PDB file of N, CA and C in Angstrom:
ATOM      1  N   MET A   1       0.806  -1.203   0.000  1.00  0.00           N
ATOM      2  CA  MET A   1       0.000   0.000   0.000  1.00  0.00           C
ATOM      3  C   MET A   1       0.848   1.266   0.000  1.00  0.00           C
ATOM      4  N   GLY A   2       2.169   1.152   0.005  1.00  0.00           N
ATOM      5  CA  GLY A   2       2.985   2.344  -0.019  1.00  0.00           C
ATOM      6  C   GLY A   2       3.233   2.951   1.348  1.00  0.00           C
ATOM      7  N   ARG A   3       2.607   2.405   2.384  1.00  0.00           N
ATOM      8  CA  ARG A   3       2.797   2.951   3.718  1.00  0.00           C
ATOM      9  C   ARG A   3       3.745   2.101   4.543  1.00  0.00           C
ATOM     10  N   LYS A   4       4.234   1.035   3.996  1.00  0.00           N
ATOM     11  CA  LYS A   4       5.141   0.166   4.727  1.00  0.00           C
ATOM     12  C   LYS A   4       6.476   0.868   4.923  1.00  0.00           C
ATOM     13  N   LYS A   5       7.019   0.730   6.109  1.00  0.00           N
ATOM     14  CA  LYS A   5       8.348   1.265   6.376  1.00  0.00           C
ATOM     15  C   LYS A   5       9.353   0.466   5.569  1.00  0.00           C
ATOM     16  N   GLN A   6      10.329   1.129   5.038  1.00  0.00           N
ATOM     17  CA  GLN A   6      11.362   0.445   4.274  1.00  0.00           C
ATOM     18  C   GLN A   6      12.471  -0.080   5.172  1.00  0.00           C
ATOM     19  N   GLN A   7      12.625   0.553   6.349  1.00  0.00           N
ATOM     20  CA  GLN A   7      13.666   0.128   7.277  1.00  0.00           C
ATOM     21  C   GLN A   7      13.299   0.580   8.684  1.00  0.00           C
ATOM     22  N   PHE A   8      13.661  -0.222   9.682  1.00  0.00           N
ATOM     23  CA  PHE A   8      13.500   0.189  11.068  1.00  0.00           C
ATOM     24  C   PHE A   8      14.502  -0.570  11.929  1.00  0.00           C
ATOM     25  N   ASP A   9      14.811   0.006  13.077  1.00  0.00           N
ATOM     26  CA  ASP A   9      15.712  -0.626  14.030  1.00  0.00           C
ATOM     27  C   ASP A   9      14.903  -1.116  15.215  1.00  0.00           C
ATOM     28  N   TRP A  10      15.237  -2.300  15.699  1.00  0.00           N
ATOM     29  CA  TRP A  10      14.544  -2.901  16.834  1.00  0.00           C
ATOM     30  C   TRP A  10      15.584  -3.626  17.660  1.00  0.00           C
ATOM     31  N   GLU A  11      15.715  -3.217  18.912  1.00  0.00           N
ATOM     32  CA  GLU A  11      16.749  -3.724  19.799  1.00  0.00           C
ATOM     33  C   GLU A  11      18.092  -3.626  19.085  1.00  0.00           C
ATOM     34  N   ASN A  12      18.797  -4.713  18.898  1.00  0.00           N
ATOM     35  CA  ASN A  12      20.115  -4.665  18.241  1.00  0.00           C
ATOM     36  C   ASN A  12      20.054  -4.999  16.757  1.00  0.00           C
ATOM     37  N   LEU A  13      18.864  -4.973  16.186  1.00  0.00           N
ATOM     38  CA  LEU A  13      18.696  -5.371  14.795  1.00  0.00           C
ATOM     39  C   LEU A  13      18.341  -4.186  13.909  1.00  0.00           C
ATOM     40  N   SER A  14      18.858  -4.219  12.715  1.00  0.00           N
ATOM     41  CA  SER A  14      18.449  -3.275  11.681  1.00  0.00           C
ATOM     42  C   SER A  14      17.669  -4.087  10.660  1.00  0.00           C
ATOM     43  N   ILE A  15      16.400  -3.747  10.493  1.00  0.00           N
ATOM     44  CA  ILE A  15      15.510  -4.515   9.632  1.00  0.00           C
ATOM     45  C   ILE A  15      15.210  -3.705   8.373  1.00  0.00           C
ATOM     46  N   LYS A  16      15.289  -4.368   7.217  1.00  0.00           N
ATOM     47  CA  LYS A  16      15.007  -3.710   5.936  1.00  0.00           C
ATOM     48  C   LYS A  16      13.967  -4.500   5.163  1.00  0.00           C
ATOM     49  N   MET A  17      13.158  -3.775   4.385  1.00  0.00           N
ATOM     50  CA  MET A  17      12.214  -4.407   3.470  1.00  0.00           C
ATOM     51  C   MET A  17      13.011  -4.894   2.263  1.00  0.00           C
ATOM     52  N   THR A  18      12.992  -6.200   2.025  1.00  0.00           N
ATOM     53  CA  THR A  18      13.721  -6.798   0.916  1.00  0.00           C
ATOM     54  C   THR A  18      12.791  -7.732   0.172  1.00  0.00           C
ATOM     55  N   GLU A  19      12.478  -7.414  -1.066  1.00  0.00           N
ATOM     56  CA  GLU A  19      11.620  -8.232  -1.913  1.00  0.00           C
ATOM     57  C   GLU A  19      10.295  -8.577  -1.237  1.00  0.00           C
ATOM     58  N   GLY A  20       9.713  -7.584  -0.545  1.00  0.00           N
ATOM     59  CA  GLY A  20       8.404  -7.756   0.069  1.00  0.00           C
ATOM     60  C   GLY A  20       8.413  -8.350   1.463  1.00  0.00           C
ATOM     61  N   PHE A  21       9.605  -8.631   2.004  1.00  0.00           N
ATOM     62  CA  PHE A  21       9.732  -9.203   3.341  1.00  0.00           C
ATOM     63  C   PHE A  21      10.664  -8.344   4.189  1.00  0.00           C
ATOM     64  N   TYR A  22      10.378  -8.266   5.505  1.00  0.00           N
ATOM     65  CA  TYR A  22      11.300  -7.602   6.414  1.00  0.00           C
ATOM     66  C   TYR A  22      12.364  -8.611   6.820  1.00  0.00           C
ATOM     67  N   ARG A  23      13.638  -8.233   6.618  1.00  0.00           N
ATOM     68  CA  ARG A  23      14.743  -9.143   6.928  1.00  0.00           C
ATOM     69  C   ARG A  23      15.862  -8.380   7.639  1.00  0.00           C
ATOM     70  N   ASP A  24      16.592  -9.128   8.475  1.00  0.00           N
ATOM     71  CA  ASP A  24      17.750  -8.529   9.118  1.00  0.00           C
ATOM     72  C   ASP A  24      18.958  -8.679   8.188  1.00  0.00           C
ATOM     73  N   GLY A  25      20.128  -8.262   8.649  1.00  0.00           N
ATOM     74  CA  GLY A  25      21.338  -8.312   7.824  1.00  0.00           C
ATOM     75  C   GLY A  25      21.758  -9.709   7.420  1.00  0.00           C
ATOM     76  N   ASN A  26      21.293 -10.729   8.156  1.00  0.00           N
ATOM     77  CA  ASN A  26      21.619 -12.122   7.826  1.00  0.00           C
ATOM     78  C   ASN A  26      20.564 -12.770   6.936  1.00  0.00           C
ATOM     79  N   GLY A  27      19.539 -12.017   6.580  1.00  0.00           N
ATOM     80  CA  GLY A  27      18.484 -12.563   5.726  1.00  0.00           C
ATOM     81  C   GLY A  27      17.349 -13.213   6.493  1.00  0.00           C
ATOM     82  N   ASN A  28      17.414 -13.199   7.831  1.00  0.00           N
ATOM     83  CA  ASN A  28      16.339 -13.781   8.643  1.00  0.00           C
ATOM     84  C   ASN A  28      15.125 -12.865   8.647  1.00  0.00           C
ATOM     85  N   LEU A  29      13.936 -13.466   8.725  1.00  0.00           N
ATOM     86  CA  LEU A  29      12.719 -12.670   8.808  1.00  0.00           C
ATOM     87  C   LEU A  29      12.770 -11.788  10.049  1.00  0.00           C
ATOM     88  N   GLY A  30      12.342 -10.530   9.886  1.00  0.00           N
ATOM     89  CA  GLY A  30      12.428  -9.575  10.980  1.00  0.00           C
ATOM     90  C   GLY A  30      11.106  -8.915  11.308  1.00  0.00           C
ATOM     91  N   GLY A  31      10.010  -9.428  10.813  1.00  0.00           N
ATOM     92  CA  GLY A  31       8.714  -8.837  11.107  1.00  0.00           C
ATOM     93  C   GLY A  31       7.718  -9.136  10.008  1.00  0.00           C
ATOM     94  N   ALA A  32       6.498  -8.716  10.253  1.00  0.00           N
ATOM     95  CA  ALA A  32       5.427  -8.958   9.294  1.00  0.00           C
ATOM     96  C   ALA A  32       5.296  -7.786   8.333  1.00  0.00           C
ATOM     97  N   ALA A  33       5.126  -8.091   7.076  1.00  0.00           N
ATOM     98  CA  ALA A  33       4.964  -7.056   6.058  1.00  0.00           C
ATOM     99  C   ALA A  33       3.514  -6.994   5.592  1.00  0.00           C
ATOM    100  N   ILE A  34       2.604  -7.305   6.500  1.00  0.00           N
ATOM    101  CA  ILE A  34       1.181  -7.285   6.185  1.00  0.00           C
ATOM    102  C   ILE A  34       0.511  -6.305   7.147  1.00  0.00           C
ATOM    103  N   SER A  35      -0.475  -5.606   6.660  1.00  0.00           N
ATOM    104  CA  SER A  35      -1.188  -4.676   7.533  1.00  0.00           C
ATOM    105  C   SER A  35      -2.116  -5.443   8.463  1.00  0.00           C
ATOM    106  N   MET A  36      -2.486  -4.834   9.567  1.00  0.00           N
ATOM    107  CA  MET A  36      -3.369  -5.491  10.523  1.00  0.00           C
ATOM    108  C   MET A  36      -4.729  -5.786   9.885  1.00  0.00           C
ATOM    109  N   ILE A  37      -5.246  -4.858   9.097  1.00  0.00           N
ATOM    110  CA  ILE A  37      -6.547  -5.074   8.471  1.00  0.00           C
ATOM    111  C   ILE A  37      -6.481  -6.253   7.497  1.00  0.00           C
ATOM    112  N   ASP A  38      -5.362  -6.382   6.771  1.00  0.00           N
ATOM    113  CA  ASP A  38      -5.207  -7.531   5.871  1.00  0.00           C
ATOM    114  C   ASP A  38      -5.100  -8.831   6.663  1.00  0.00           C
ATOM    115  N   ALA A  39      -4.448  -8.796   7.818  1.00  0.00           N
ATOM    116  CA  ALA A  39      -4.353  -9.986   8.664  1.00  0.00           C
ATOM    117  C   ALA A  39      -5.733 -10.394   9.181  1.00  0.00           C
ATOM    118  N   VAL A  40      -6.541  -9.423   9.578  1.00  0.00           N
ATOM    119  CA  VAL A  40      -7.904  -9.715  10.048  1.00  0.00           C
ATOM    120  C   VAL A  40      -8.725 -10.311   8.907  1.00  0.00           C
ATOM    121  N   LYS A  41      -8.641  -9.704   7.721  1.00  0.00           N
ATOM    122  CA  LYS A  41      -9.378 -10.229   6.571  1.00  0.00           C
ATOM    123  C   LYS A  41      -8.935 -11.652   6.226  1.00  0.00           C
ATOM    124  N   ASN A  42      -7.623 -11.904   6.265  1.00  0.00           N
ATOM    125  CA  ASN A  42      -7.118 -13.250   5.970  1.00  0.00           C
ATOM    126  C   ASN A  42      -7.642 -14.260   6.979  1.00  0.00           C
ATOM    127  N   ALA A  43      -7.649 -13.893   8.255  1.00  0.00           N
ATOM    128  CA  ALA A  43      -8.153 -14.806   9.290  1.00  0.00           C
ATOM    129  C   ALA A  43      -9.616 -15.142   9.029  1.00  0.00           C
ATOM    130  N   MET A  44     -10.402 -14.131   8.691  1.00  0.00           N
ATOM    131  CA  MET A  44     -11.818 -14.371   8.414  1.00  0.00           C
ATOM    132  C   MET A  44     -11.987 -15.277   7.198  1.00  0.00           C
ATOM    133  N   GLN A  45     -11.225 -15.016   6.154  1.00  0.00           N
ATOM    134  CA  GLN A  45     -11.370 -15.773   4.913  1.00  0.00           C
ATOM    135  C   GLN A  45     -10.828 -17.195   5.028  1.00  0.00           C
ATOM    136  N   TYR A  46      -9.606 -17.342   5.526  1.00  0.00           N
ATOM    137  CA  TYR A  46      -8.956 -18.651   5.498  1.00  0.00           C
ATOM    138  C   TYR A  46      -9.273 -19.527   6.714  1.00  0.00           C
ATOM    139  N   LEU A  47      -9.657 -18.902   7.830  1.00  0.00           N
ATOM    140  CA  LEU A  47     -10.007 -19.680   9.013  1.00  0.00           C
ATOM    141  C   LEU A  47     -11.516 -19.783   9.198  1.00  0.00           C
ATOM    142  N   ASN A  48     -12.240 -19.054   8.333  1.00  0.00           N
ATOM    143  CA  ASN A  48     -13.699 -19.057   8.374  1.00  0.00           C
ATOM    144  C   ASN A  48     -14.228 -18.678   9.760  1.00  0.00           C
ATOM    145  N   ILE A  49     -13.712 -17.548  10.265  1.00  0.00           N
ATOM    146  CA  ILE A  49     -14.147 -17.057  11.571  1.00  0.00           C
ATOM    147  C   ILE A  49     -14.837 -15.711  11.399  1.00  0.00           C
ATOM    148  N   LEU A  50     -15.564 -15.308  12.426  1.00  0.00           N
ATOM    149  CA  LEU A  50     -16.264 -14.023  12.402  1.00  0.00           C
ATOM    150  C   LEU A  50     -15.304 -12.877  12.716  1.00  0.00           C
ATOM    151  N   LEU A  51     -15.726 -11.677  12.352  1.00  0.00           N
ATOM    152  CA  LEU A  51     -14.920 -10.481  12.568  1.00  0.00           C
ATOM    153  C   LEU A  51     -14.494 -10.344  14.026  1.00  0.00           C
ATOM    154  N   GLN A  52     -15.406 -10.553  14.962  1.00  0.00           N
ATOM    155  CA  GLN A  52     -15.077 -10.382  16.382  1.00  0.00           C
ATOM    156  C   GLN A  52     -13.903 -11.270  16.791  1.00  0.00           C
ATOM    157  N   GLU A  53     -13.925 -12.527  16.377  1.00  0.00           N
ATOM    158  CA  GLU A  53     -12.836 -13.430  16.745  1.00  0.00           C
ATOM    159  C   GLU A  53     -11.535 -13.015  16.070  1.00  0.00           C
ATOM    160  N   ALA A  54     -11.597 -12.591  14.823  1.00  0.00           N
ATOM    161  CA  ALA A  54     -10.390 -12.149  14.118  1.00  0.00           C
ATOM    162  C   ALA A  54      -9.770 -10.929  14.799  1.00  0.00           C
ATOM    163  N   VAL A  55     -10.604 -10.009  15.258  1.00  0.00           N
ATOM    164  CA  VAL A  55     -10.096  -8.823  15.967  1.00  0.00           C
ATOM    165  C   VAL A  55      -9.496  -9.230  17.303  1.00  0.00           C
ATOM    166  N   GLU A  56     -10.152 -10.133  18.029  1.00  0.00           N
ATOM    167  CA  GLU A  56      -9.591 -10.611  19.297  1.00  0.00           C
ATOM    168  C   GLU A  56      -8.240 -11.288  19.082  1.00  0.00           C
ATOM    169  N   MET A  57      -8.123 -12.047  17.995  1.00  0.00           N
ATOM    170  CA  MET A  57      -6.860 -12.719  17.688  1.00  0.00           C
ATOM    171  C   MET A  57      -5.733 -11.724  17.453  1.00  0.00           C
ATOM    172  N   SER A  58      -6.071 -10.534  16.969  1.00  0.00           N
ATOM    173  CA  SER A  58      -5.042  -9.544  16.658  1.00  0.00           C
ATOM    174  C   SER A  58      -4.856  -8.503  17.756  1.00  0.00           C
ATOM    175  N   THR A  59      -5.617  -8.595  18.835  1.00  0.00           N
ATOM    176  CA  THR A  59      -5.511  -7.596  19.902  1.00  0.00           C
ATOM    177  C   THR A  59      -5.317  -8.256  21.260  1.00  0.00           C
ATOM    178  N   SER A  60      -6.401  -8.616  21.925  1.00  0.00           N
ATOM    179  CA  SER A  60      -6.331  -9.113  23.303  1.00  0.00           C
ATOM    180  C   SER A  60      -5.567 -10.432  23.425  1.00  0.00           C
ATOM    181  N   ARG A  61      -5.720 -11.326  22.472  1.00  0.00           N
ATOM    182  CA  ARG A  61      -5.012 -12.614  22.569  1.00  0.00           C
ATOM    183  C   ARG A  61      -3.510 -12.444  22.423  1.00  0.00           C
ATOM    184  N   VAL A  62      -3.105 -11.557  21.524  1.00  0.00           N
ATOM    185  CA  VAL A  62      -1.676 -11.278  21.358  1.00  0.00           C
ATOM    186  C   VAL A  62      -1.129 -10.611  22.616  1.00  0.00           C
ATOM    187  N   ALA A  63      -1.861  -9.633  23.147  1.00  0.00           N
ATOM    188  CA  ALA A  63      -1.427  -8.944  24.363  1.00  0.00           C
ATOM    189  C   ALA A  63      -1.218  -9.940  25.502  1.00  0.00           C
ATOM    190  N   LYS A  64      -2.134 -10.877  25.641  1.00  0.00           N
ATOM    191  CA  LYS A  64      -2.011 -11.882  26.695  1.00  0.00           C
ATOM    192  C   LYS A  64      -0.824 -12.800  26.434  1.00  0.00           C
ATOM    193  N   ALA A  65      -0.623 -13.209  25.194  1.00  0.00           N
ATOM    194  CA  ALA A  65       0.476 -14.115  24.847  1.00  0.00           C
ATOM    195  C   ALA A  65       1.845 -13.501  25.142  1.00  0.00           C
ATOM    196  N   ILE A  66       1.972 -12.185  24.955  1.00  0.00           N
ATOM    197  CA  ILE A  66       3.253 -11.525  25.218  1.00  0.00           C
ATOM    198  C   ILE A  66       3.285 -10.884  26.603  1.00  0.00           C
ATOM    199  N   LYS A  67       2.303 -11.243  27.434  1.00  0.00           N
ATOM    200  CA  LYS A  67       2.214 -10.790  28.821  1.00  0.00           C
ATOM    201  C   LYS A  67       2.163  -9.264  28.954  1.00  0.00           C
ATOM    202  N   MET A  68       1.440  -8.624  28.028  1.00  0.00           N
ATOM    203  CA  MET A  68       1.239  -7.172  28.094  1.00  0.00           C
ATOM    204  C   MET A  68      -0.241  -6.828  28.209  1.00  0.00           C
ATOM    205  N   ASP A  69      -1.057  -7.805  28.595  1.00  0.00           N
ATOM    206  CA  ASP A  69      -2.505  -7.601  28.651  1.00  0.00           C
ATOM    207  C   ASP A  69      -2.937  -6.673  29.782  1.00  0.00           C
ATOM    208  N   LYS A  70      -2.008  -6.202  30.594  1.00  0.00           N
ATOM    209  CA  LYS A  70      -2.326  -5.186  31.615  1.00  0.00           C
ATOM    210  C   LYS A  70      -2.065  -3.778  31.079  1.00  0.00           C
ATOM    211  N   GLU A  71      -1.602  -3.679  29.815  1.00  0.00           N
ATOM    212  CA  GLU A  71      -1.265  -2.398  29.200  1.00  0.00           C
ATOM    213  C   GLU A  71      -1.937  -2.171  27.852  1.00  0.00           C
ATOM    214  N   ILE A  72      -2.084  -3.235  27.079  1.00  0.00           N
ATOM    215  CA  ILE A  72      -2.605  -3.121  25.712  1.00  0.00           C
ATOM    216  C   ILE A  72      -3.579  -4.256  25.424  1.00  0.00           C
ATOM    217  N   GLY A  73      -4.265  -4.153  24.303  1.00  0.00           N
ATOM    218  CA  GLY A  73      -5.098  -5.244  23.824  1.00  0.00           C
ATOM    219  C   GLY A  73      -6.573  -5.131  24.150  1.00  0.00           C
ATOM    220  N   TYR A  74      -6.918  -4.165  24.981  1.00  0.00           N
ATOM    221  CA  TYR A  74      -8.305  -3.987  25.400  1.00  0.00           C
ATOM    222  C   TYR A  74      -8.653  -2.510  25.385  1.00  0.00           C
ATOM    223  N   ILE A  75      -9.933  -2.210  25.311  1.00  0.00           N
ATOM    224  CA  ILE A  75     -10.407  -0.837  25.456  1.00  0.00           C
ATOM    225  C   ILE A  75     -10.792  -0.675  26.920  1.00  0.00           C
ATOM    226  N   LYS A  76      -9.855  -0.147  27.690  1.00  0.00           N
ATOM    227  CA  LYS A  76     -10.050   0.034  29.131  1.00  0.00           C
ATOM    228  C   LYS A  76      -9.360   1.322  29.562  1.00  0.00           C
ATOM    229  N   PRO A  77      -9.836   1.955  30.627  1.00  0.00           N
ATOM    230  CA  PRO A  77      -9.158   3.152  31.140  1.00  0.00           C
ATOM    231  C   PRO A  77      -7.700   2.844  31.488  1.00  0.00           C
ATOM    232  N   GLY A  78      -6.801   3.724  31.069  1.00  0.00           N
ATOM    233  CA  GLY A  78      -5.384   3.576  31.355  1.00  0.00           C
ATOM    234  C   GLY A  78      -4.601   2.754  30.351  1.00  0.00           C
ATOM    235  N   TYR A  79      -5.283   2.092  29.430  1.00  0.00           N
ATOM    236  CA  TYR A  79      -4.599   1.298  28.414  1.00  0.00           C
ATOM    237  C   TYR A  79      -4.242   2.184  27.223  1.00  0.00           C
ATOM    238  N   ASN A  80      -3.092   1.911  26.600  1.00  0.00           N
ATOM    239  CA  ASN A  80      -2.759   2.598  25.356  1.00  0.00           C
ATOM    240  C   ASN A  80      -3.788   2.198  24.311  1.00  0.00           C
ATOM    241  N   ALA A  81      -4.158   3.140  23.488  1.00  0.00           N
ATOM    242  CA  ALA A  81      -5.214   2.847  22.514  1.00  0.00           C
ATOM    243  C   ALA A  81      -4.823   3.296  21.119  1.00  0.00           C
ATOM    244  N   ARG A  82      -5.078   2.420  20.180  1.00  0.00           N
ATOM    245  CA  ARG A  82      -4.931   2.732  18.758  1.00  0.00           C
ATOM    246  C   ARG A  82      -6.113   2.072  18.067  1.00  0.00           C
ATOM    247  N   PHE A  83      -6.900   2.877  17.414  1.00  0.00           N
ATOM    248  CA  PHE A  83      -8.106   2.378  16.765  1.00  0.00           C
ATOM    249  C   PHE A  83      -7.964   2.531  15.260  1.00  0.00           C
ATOM    250  N   VAL A  84      -8.468   1.555  14.551  1.00  0.00           N
ATOM    251  CA  VAL A  84      -8.537   1.632  13.095  1.00  0.00           C
ATOM    252  C   VAL A  84     -10.005   1.528  12.720  1.00  0.00           C
ATOM    253  N   LEU A  85     -10.481   2.553  12.076  1.00  0.00           N
ATOM    254  CA  LEU A  85     -11.859   2.541  11.584  1.00  0.00           C
ATOM    255  C   LEU A  85     -11.844   1.982  10.170  1.00  0.00           C
ATOM    256  N   PHE A  86     -12.797   1.107   9.875  1.00  0.00           N
ATOM    257  CA  PHE A  86     -12.880   0.567   8.529  1.00  0.00           C
ATOM    258  C   PHE A  86     -14.330   0.485   8.103  1.00  0.00           C
ATOM    259  N   ASP A  87     -14.518   0.421   6.793  1.00  0.00           N
ATOM    260  CA  ASP A  87     -15.881   0.394   6.260  1.00  0.00           C
ATOM    261  C   ASP A  87     -16.366  -1.045   6.101  1.00  0.00           C
ATOM    262  N   ASP A  88     -17.554  -1.201   5.540  1.00  0.00           N
ATOM    263  CA  ASP A  88     -18.147  -2.531   5.390  1.00  0.00           C
ATOM    264  C   ASP A  88     -17.352  -3.449   4.465  1.00  0.00           C
ATOM    265  N   GLU A  89     -16.537  -2.891   3.590  1.00  0.00           N
ATOM    266  CA  GLU A  89     -15.693  -3.694   2.698  1.00  0.00           C
ATOM    267  C   GLU A  89     -14.329  -3.974   3.322  1.00  0.00           C
ATOM    268  N   MET A  90     -14.175  -3.634   4.596  1.00  0.00           N
ATOM    269  CA  MET A  90     -12.932  -3.825   5.340  1.00  0.00           C
ATOM    270  C   MET A  90     -11.780  -3.015   4.758  1.00  0.00           C
ATOM    271  N   LYS A  91     -12.107  -1.839   4.280  1.00  0.00           N
ATOM    272  CA  LYS A  91     -11.075  -0.910   3.824  1.00  0.00           C
ATOM    273  C   LYS A  91     -10.856   0.109   4.923  1.00  0.00           C
ATOM    274  N   GLU A  92      -9.587   0.357   5.242  1.00  0.00           N
ATOM    275  CA  GLU A  92      -9.273   1.300   6.318  1.00  0.00           C
ATOM    276  C   GLU A  92      -9.760   2.689   5.953  1.00  0.00           C
ATOM    277  N   VAL A  93     -10.423   3.307   6.893  1.00  0.00           N
ATOM    278  CA  VAL A  93     -10.946   4.652   6.702  1.00  0.00           C
ATOM    279  C   VAL A  93     -10.079   5.657   7.448  1.00  0.00           C
ATOM    280  N   GLU A  94      -9.736   5.330   8.688  1.00  0.00           N
ATOM    281  CA  GLU A  94      -8.987   6.272   9.506  1.00  0.00           C
ATOM    282  C   GLU A  94      -8.302   5.529  10.635  1.00  0.00           C
ATOM    283  N   SER A  95      -7.136   6.025  11.046  1.00  0.00           N
ATOM    284  CA  SER A  95      -6.418   5.474  12.185  1.00  0.00           C
ATOM    285  C   SER A  95      -6.342   6.535  13.266  1.00  0.00           C
ATOM    286  N   LEU A  96      -6.692   6.154  14.497  1.00  0.00           N
ATOM    287  CA  LEU A  96      -6.706   7.084  15.633  1.00  0.00           C
ATOM    288  C   LEU A  96      -5.796   6.532  16.726  1.00  0.00           C
ATOM    289  N   ILE A  97      -4.946   7.399  17.280  1.00  0.00           N
ATOM    290  CA  ILE A  97      -4.051   6.997  18.366  1.00  0.00           C
ATOM    291  C   ILE A  97      -4.336   7.881  19.560  1.00  0.00           C
ATOM    292  N   PHE A  98      -4.556   7.267  20.732  1.00  0.00           N
ATOM    293  CA  PHE A  98      -4.831   8.003  21.966  1.00  0.00           C
ATOM    294  C   PHE A  98      -3.782   7.683  22.999  1.00  0.00           C
TER     295      PHE A  98
END
């Protein structure tokens, strides 16, 4: 979509977009090159699940798996919040960060 970062640093790694994949200097995968909305759509299509479950898989379940569910992954007072609004065709309309 043209909004993907071409390069970023994370901990001791320098990650670059190479042929559609994020890779470190050794060629190892260094992150996902798919948008969250595309991941939700893929989960719905290929796993045959409802939107609610796909969103939970990309928010609260991930937060719990990485032991950050006391900070992110839910809409609760004191939690960091980033919302993506999308239309009925699952096209991103707006991104809001609080």
